[in-house]
Amino acid sequence: MNGSYILLIKLKENKTIKIGKLGTLFFKKGFYVYVGSSMNNLEKRIRRHLSKDKKFHWHIDYLLEKAEILEVYLKENTIKEECKIANMFNEKLENIPGFGCSDCKCDSHLFYGSSDEIHFIIKIIDLQKHGT
């Protein structure tokens, strides 16, 4: 399966985290949503994100070491929609500048907001919840 995915993440307390080459960032406790894609093997990418035993490669790896994935949503597609989806979150939520978007022109692929705000946008995008 190929397509895009959303990770709903909870950070239980305020944290300052070094995010690879992006540097040290302050994260407020609360809910984050990360937008990604895999045009090779979506299930494998999700399993990697859920795993605690991995070499850090992406910005999200550093955050997930300190936070918890609550829910995963998928959108199967043969074209890359990651940036389109990220821009929908960017219109409504606070973004973490430069996070997860070093290979595109987006402001961010990580967003902060309330659980209700995030779920409202997920419903509009029509993503399918994936069992975690």
C-alpha atoms as a PDB file:
ATOM      1  CA  MET A   1       0.000   0.000   0.000  1.00  0.00           C
ATOM      2  CA  ASN A   2       1.216   3.503  -0.877  1.00  0.00           C
ATOM      3  CA  GLY A   3      -0.022   6.865   0.311  1.00  0.00           C
ATOM      4  CA  SER A   4      -0.017   9.389   3.131  1.00  0.00           C
ATOM      5  CA  TYR A   5      -0.330   8.997   6.871  1.00  0.00           C
ATOM      6  CA  ILE A   6      -1.035  11.050   9.948  1.00  0.00           C
ATOM      7  CA  LEU A   7       0.375  10.361  13.395  1.00  0.00           C
ATOM      8  CA  LEU A   8      -1.564  11.803  16.333  1.00  0.00           C
ATOM      9  CA  ILE A   9       1.028  12.291  19.043  1.00  0.00           C
ATOM     10  CA  LYS A  10       0.803  13.269  22.695  1.00  0.00           C
ATOM     11  CA  LEU A  11       3.625  14.870  24.634  1.00  0.00           C
ATOM     12  CA  LYS A  12       2.885  14.552  28.354  1.00  0.00           C
ATOM     13  CA  GLU A  13       5.043  17.446  29.534  1.00  0.00           C
ATOM     14  CA  ASN A  14       6.884  20.457  28.163  1.00  0.00           C
ATOM     15  CA  LYS A  15      10.205  19.319  26.679  1.00  0.00           C
ATOM     16  CA  THR A  16      13.243  20.754  24.987  1.00  0.00           C
ATOM     17  CA  ILE A  17      14.407  18.224  22.403  1.00  0.00           C
ATOM     18  CA  LYS A  18      17.342  18.163  19.989  1.00  0.00           C
ATOM     19  CA  ILE A  19      15.860  17.387  16.574  1.00  0.00           C
ATOM     20  CA  GLY A  20      18.821  16.302  14.455  1.00  0.00           C
ATOM     21  CA  LYS A  21      20.160  19.051  12.183  1.00  0.00           C
ATOM     22  CA  LEU A  22      17.081  21.182  12.898  1.00  0.00           C
ATOM     23  CA  GLY A  23      18.540  21.923  16.324  1.00  0.00           C
ATOM     24  CA  THR A  24      17.107  22.148  19.817  1.00  0.00           C
ATOM     25  CA  LEU A  25      13.392  23.009  19.953  1.00  0.00           C
ATOM     26  CA  PHE A  26      10.927  23.599  22.756  1.00  0.00           C
ATOM     27  CA  PHE A  27       7.738  21.544  22.565  1.00  0.00           C
ATOM     28  CA  LYS A  28       4.666  22.378  24.637  1.00  0.00           C
ATOM     29  CA  LYS A  29       2.867  19.494  26.282  1.00  0.00           C
ATOM     30  CA  GLY A  30      -0.217  18.460  24.382  1.00  0.00           C
ATOM     31  CA  PHE A  31      -1.251  17.121  21.003  1.00  0.00           C
ATOM     32  CA  TYR A  32       0.731  17.110  17.771  1.00  0.00           C
ATOM     33  CA  VAL A  33      -0.068  15.788  14.343  1.00  0.00           C
ATOM     34  CA  TYR A  34       2.663  14.679  11.952  1.00  0.00           C
ATOM     35  CA  VAL A  35       2.044  14.271   8.228  1.00  0.00           C
ATOM     36  CA  GLY A  36       4.134  11.837   6.196  1.00  0.00           C
ATOM     37  CA  SER A  37       4.001   9.576   3.181  1.00  0.00           C
ATOM     38  CA  SER A  38       5.468   6.414   1.774  1.00  0.00           C
ATOM     39  CA  MET A  39       5.251   5.591  -1.886  1.00  0.00           C
ATOM     40  CA  ASN A  40       6.931   2.210  -1.384  1.00  0.00           C
ATOM     41  CA  ASN A  41       5.486   0.450   1.661  1.00  0.00           C
ATOM     42  CA  LEU A  42       3.159   2.443   3.921  1.00  0.00           C
ATOM     43  CA  GLU A  43       2.680  -0.365   6.438  1.00  0.00           C
ATOM     44  CA  LYS A  44       6.436  -0.738   6.895  1.00  0.00           C
ATOM     45  CA  ARG A  45       6.813   3.016   7.497  1.00  0.00           C
ATOM     46  CA  ILE A  46       4.092   2.959  10.152  1.00  0.00           C
ATOM     47  CA  ARG A  47       5.694  -0.048  11.877  1.00  0.00           C
ATOM     48  CA  ARG A  48       8.985   1.854  11.927  1.00  0.00           C
ATOM     49  CA  HIS A  49       7.392   4.893  13.558  1.00  0.00           C
ATOM     50  CA  LEU A  50       5.721   2.685  16.178  1.00  0.00           C
ATOM     51  CA  SER A  51       9.016   0.920  16.980  1.00  0.00           C
ATOM     52  CA  LYS A  52      11.199   2.201  19.820  1.00  0.00           C
ATOM     53  CA  ASP A  53      14.251   0.325  18.499  1.00  0.00           C
ATOM     54  CA  LYS A  54      15.470   2.271  15.462  1.00  0.00           C
ATOM     55  CA  LYS A  55      18.297   4.410  14.201  1.00  0.00           C
ATOM     56  CA  PHE A  56      17.247   8.069  14.094  1.00  0.00           C
ATOM     57  CA  HIS A  57      16.862   9.279  10.539  1.00  0.00           C
ATOM     58  CA  TRP A  58      13.936  11.707  10.338  1.00  0.00           C
ATOM     59  CA  HIS A  59      12.979  14.690  12.518  1.00  0.00           C
ATOM     60  CA  ILE A  60       9.974  12.746  13.816  1.00  0.00           C
ATOM     61  CA  ASP A  61      12.229  10.011  15.238  1.00  0.00           C
ATOM     62  CA  TYR A  62      13.601  12.467  17.818  1.00  0.00           C
ATOM     63  CA  LEU A  63      10.154  13.616  18.945  1.00  0.00           C
ATOM     64  CA  LEU A  64       8.771  10.079  19.131  1.00  0.00           C
ATOM     65  CA  GLU A  65      11.547   9.110  21.540  1.00  0.00           C
ATOM     66  CA  LYS A  66       9.903  11.478  24.069  1.00  0.00           C
ATOM     67  CA  ALA A  67       6.246  11.294  23.009  1.00  0.00           C
ATOM     68  CA  GLU A  68       3.533   8.713  22.393  1.00  0.00           C
ATOM     69  CA  ILE A  69       1.664   7.887  19.192  1.00  0.00           C
ATOM     70  CA  LEU A  70      -2.037   7.748  20.086  1.00  0.00           C
ATOM     71  CA  GLU A  71      -3.541   7.134  16.656  1.00  0.00           C
ATOM     72  CA  VAL A  72      -2.472   6.513  13.069  1.00  0.00           C
ATOM     73  CA  TYR A  73      -4.525   7.501  10.016  1.00  0.00           C
ATOM     74  CA  LEU A  74      -3.908   6.459   6.409  1.00  0.00           C
ATOM     75  CA  LYS A  75      -4.899   7.686   2.991  1.00  0.00           C
ATOM     76  CA  GLU A  76      -4.064   5.207   0.262  1.00  0.00           C
ATOM     77  CA  ASN A  77      -3.030   6.827  -3.013  1.00  0.00           C
ATOM     78  CA  THR A  78      -0.679   6.384  -5.948  1.00  0.00           C
ATOM     79  CA  ILE A  79       0.212  10.095  -5.933  1.00  0.00           C
ATOM     80  CA  LYS A  80       1.998  11.939  -3.151  1.00  0.00           C
ATOM     81  CA  GLU A  81      -0.493  14.077  -1.177  1.00  0.00           C
ATOM     82  CA  GLU A  82       1.663  14.693   1.894  1.00  0.00           C
ATOM     83  CA  CYS A  83       2.170  18.409   1.236  1.00  0.00           C
ATOM     84  CA  LYS A  84      -1.484  19.020   0.359  1.00  0.00           C
ATOM     85  CA  ILE A  85      -2.518  17.417   3.651  1.00  0.00           C
ATOM     86  CA  ALA A  86       0.163  19.301   5.610  1.00  0.00           C
ATOM     87  CA  ASN A  87      -1.070  22.590   4.177  1.00  0.00           C
ATOM     88  CA  MET A  88      -4.601  21.831   5.398  1.00  0.00           C
ATOM     89  CA  PHE A  89      -3.279  21.467   8.946  1.00  0.00           C
ATOM     90  CA  ASN A  90      -1.074  24.536   8.483  1.00  0.00           C
ATOM     91  CA  GLU A  91      -4.167  26.664   7.787  1.00  0.00           C
ATOM     92  CA  LYS A  92      -5.776  25.819  11.159  1.00  0.00           C
ATOM     93  CA  LEU A  93      -3.045  24.798  13.610  1.00  0.00           C
ATOM     94  CA  GLU A  94       0.241  26.113  14.964  1.00  0.00           C
ATOM     95  CA  ASN A  95       3.157  24.736  12.963  1.00  0.00           C
ATOM     96  CA  ILE A  96       6.624  23.773  14.142  1.00  0.00           C
ATOM     97  CA  PRO A  97       8.737  25.617  11.520  1.00  0.00           C
ATOM     98  CA  GLY A  98      10.907  23.433   9.292  1.00  0.00           C
ATOM     99  CA  PHE A  99       9.920  20.172  10.974  1.00  0.00           C
ATOM    100  CA  GLY A 100       9.730  17.191   8.633  1.00  0.00           C
ATOM    101  CA  CYS A 101       9.799  19.233   5.449  1.00  0.00           C
ATOM    102  CA  SER A 102      13.459  19.434   4.452  1.00  0.00           C
ATOM    103  CA  ASP A 103      12.631  17.860   1.077  1.00  0.00           C
ATOM    104  CA  CYS A 104       9.738  20.181   0.122  1.00  0.00           C
ATOM    105  CA  LYS A 105       8.632  23.810   0.304  1.00  0.00           C
ATOM    106  CA  CYS A 106       6.074  23.416   3.111  1.00  0.00           C
ATOM    107  CA  ASP A 107       6.328  25.453   6.318  1.00  0.00           C
ATOM    108  CA  SER A 108       6.128  22.266   8.368  1.00  0.00           C
ATOM    109  CA  HIS A 109       4.815  18.726   8.546  1.00  0.00           C
ATOM    110  CA  LEU A 110       4.286  18.877  12.341  1.00  0.00           C
ATOM    111  CA  PHE A 111       1.433  20.810  13.929  1.00  0.00           C
ATOM    112  CA  TYR A 112       0.234  21.581  17.445  1.00  0.00           C
ATOM    113  CA  GLY A 113      -3.401  21.889  18.488  1.00  0.00           C
ATOM    114  CA  SER A 114      -6.194  20.487  20.579  1.00  0.00           C
ATOM    115  CA  SER A 115      -7.353  16.928  20.060  1.00  0.00           C
ATOM    116  CA  ASP A 116     -10.727  18.270  18.865  1.00  0.00           C
ATOM    117  CA  GLU A 117      -9.143  20.591  16.274  1.00  0.00           C
ATOM    118  CA  ILE A 118      -6.926  17.809  14.958  1.00  0.00           C
ATOM    119  CA  HIS A 119      -9.770  15.284  14.720  1.00  0.00           C
ATOM    120  CA  PHE A 120     -11.968  17.837  12.943  1.00  0.00           C
ATOM    121  CA  ILE A 121      -9.332  18.308  10.216  1.00  0.00           C
ATOM    122  CA  ILE A 122      -8.728  14.542   9.960  1.00  0.00           C
ATOM    123  CA  LYS A 123     -12.460  14.073   9.365  1.00  0.00           C
ATOM    124  CA  ILE A 124     -12.479  16.719   6.598  1.00  0.00           C
ATOM    125  CA  ILE A 125      -9.523  15.062   4.859  1.00  0.00           C
ATOM    126  CA  ASP A 126     -11.342  11.715   5.131  1.00  0.00           C
ATOM    127  CA  LEU A 127      -8.442   9.680   6.490  1.00  0.00           C
ATOM    128  CA  GLN A 128      -8.986   6.092   7.619  1.00  0.00           C
ATOM    129  CA  LYS A 129      -7.982   5.144  11.150  1.00  0.00           C
ATOM    130  CA  HIS A 130      -5.334   2.413  11.251  1.00  0.00           C
ATOM    131  CA  GLY A 131      -5.267  -0.032  14.160  1.00  0.00           C
ATOM    132  CA  THR A 132      -2.160   0.625  16.268  1.00  0.00           C
END
